[in-house]
Amino acid sequence: MAWRREAIEEDDSLGFEENTSTPPEPVYLWRGDNATLPWAAFHRAARRQRDWVRDRVFA
């Protein structure tokens, strides 16, 4: 998923703790500016579409 690699990165600086048998949950960080990422633009458009449908169907 190229868009995902472009938008976020996994922070692996939180090391595996020796006293637990399960690794920690991954931490994700945004790369760059959210306003310019195609991934973020898609989600903004999807939210506008969802709001438009909700306003007309459930009004």
C-alpha atoms as a PDB file:
ATOM      1  CA  MET A   1       0.000   0.000   0.000  1.00  0.00           C
ATOM      2  CA  ALA A   2       2.025   2.921  -1.296  1.00  0.00           C
ATOM      3  CA  TRP A   3      -0.375   5.550   0.055  1.00  0.00           C
ATOM      4  CA  ARG A   4       0.013   4.145   3.564  1.00  0.00           C
ATOM      5  CA  ARG A   5       3.820   4.213   3.379  1.00  0.00           C
ATOM      6  CA  GLU A   6       3.607   7.776   2.092  1.00  0.00           C
ATOM      7  CA  ALA A   7       1.252   8.917   4.854  1.00  0.00           C
ATOM      8  CA  ILE A   8       2.486   7.168   7.997  1.00  0.00           C
ATOM      9  CA  GLU A   9       5.483   5.349   9.348  1.00  0.00           C
ATOM     10  CA  GLU A  10       5.809   2.898  12.178  1.00  0.00           C
ATOM     11  CA  ASP A  11       7.897   4.069  15.110  1.00  0.00           C
ATOM     12  CA  ASP A  12       9.922   1.130  16.347  1.00  0.00           C
ATOM     13  CA  SER A  13      11.876   3.098  18.924  1.00  0.00           C
ATOM     14  CA  LEU A  14       9.768   1.505  21.657  1.00  0.00           C
ATOM     15  CA  GLY A  15      11.835  -1.617  22.146  1.00  0.00           C
ATOM     16  CA  PHE A  16      10.586  -5.068  23.037  1.00  0.00           C
ATOM     17  CA  GLU A  17      10.469  -5.498  26.794  1.00  0.00           C
ATOM     18  CA  GLU A  18      12.343  -8.544  27.989  1.00  0.00           C
ATOM     19  CA  ASN A  19       9.906  -9.372  30.790  1.00  0.00           C
ATOM     20  CA  THR A  20       6.880  -9.789  28.495  1.00  0.00           C
ATOM     21  CA  SER A  21       6.117 -12.472  25.952  1.00  0.00           C
ATOM     22  CA  THR A  22       4.222 -10.163  23.580  1.00  0.00           C
ATOM     23  CA  PRO A  23       5.651  -7.267  21.599  1.00  0.00           C
ATOM     24  CA  PRO A  24       4.293  -3.761  22.258  1.00  0.00           C
ATOM     25  CA  GLU A  25       1.565  -2.325  20.043  1.00  0.00           C
ATOM     26  CA  PRO A  26       3.049  -0.408  17.112  1.00  0.00           C
ATOM     27  CA  VAL A  27       3.082   3.374  17.228  1.00  0.00           C
ATOM     28  CA  TYR A  28       2.403   5.238  13.982  1.00  0.00           C
ATOM     29  CA  LEU A  29       3.610   8.722  13.108  1.00  0.00           C
ATOM     30  CA  TRP A  30       2.441  11.045  10.335  1.00  0.00           C
ATOM     31  CA  ARG A  31       4.934  11.887   7.638  1.00  0.00           C
ATOM     32  CA  GLY A  32       4.896  15.439   6.388  1.00  0.00           C
ATOM     33  CA  ASP A  33       1.934  17.767   6.318  1.00  0.00           C
ATOM     34  CA  ASN A  34      -1.536  16.185   6.573  1.00  0.00           C
ATOM     35  CA  ALA A  35      -3.041  18.910   4.417  1.00  0.00           C
ATOM     36  CA  THR A  36      -0.996  17.896   1.371  1.00  0.00           C
ATOM     37  CA  LEU A  37      -1.163  14.093   1.562  1.00  0.00           C
ATOM     38  CA  PRO A  38      -3.444  12.371  -1.008  1.00  0.00           C
ATOM     39  CA  TRP A  39      -4.532   9.948   1.726  1.00  0.00           C
ATOM     40  CA  ALA A  40      -5.786  12.803   3.889  1.00  0.00           C
ATOM     41  CA  ALA A  41      -7.534  14.455   0.917  1.00  0.00           C
ATOM     42  CA  PHE A  42      -9.376  11.196   0.207  1.00  0.00           C
ATOM     43  CA  HIS A  43     -10.600  10.971   3.796  1.00  0.00           C
ATOM     44  CA  ARG A  44     -11.752  14.593   3.794  1.00  0.00           C
ATOM     45  CA  ALA A  45     -13.742  13.953   0.598  1.00  0.00           C
ATOM     46  CA  ALA A  46     -15.188  10.735   2.033  1.00  0.00           C
ATOM     47  CA  ARG A  47     -16.304  12.593   5.154  1.00  0.00           C
ATOM     48  CA  ARG A  48     -17.991  15.299   3.053  1.00  0.00           C
ATOM     49  CA  GLN A  49     -19.789  12.598   1.057  1.00  0.00           C
ATOM     50  CA  ARG A  50     -20.877  10.796   4.221  1.00  0.00           C
ATOM     51  CA  ASP A  51     -22.206  14.043   5.710  1.00  0.00           C
ATOM     52  CA  TRP A  52     -24.061  14.872   2.479  1.00  0.00           C
ATOM     53  CA  VAL A  53     -25.765  11.457   2.433  1.00  0.00           C
ATOM     54  CA  ARG A  54     -26.542  11.559   6.149  1.00  0.00           C
ATOM     55  CA  ASP A  55     -28.129  15.009   5.850  1.00  0.00           C
ATOM     56  CA  ARG A  56     -30.400  13.886   3.017  1.00  0.00           C
ATOM     57  CA  VAL A  57     -31.337  10.402   4.203  1.00  0.00           C
ATOM     58  CA  PHE A  58     -31.774  11.062   7.905  1.00  0.00           C
ATOM     59  CA  ALA A  59     -33.069  14.626   7.727  1.00  0.00           C
END
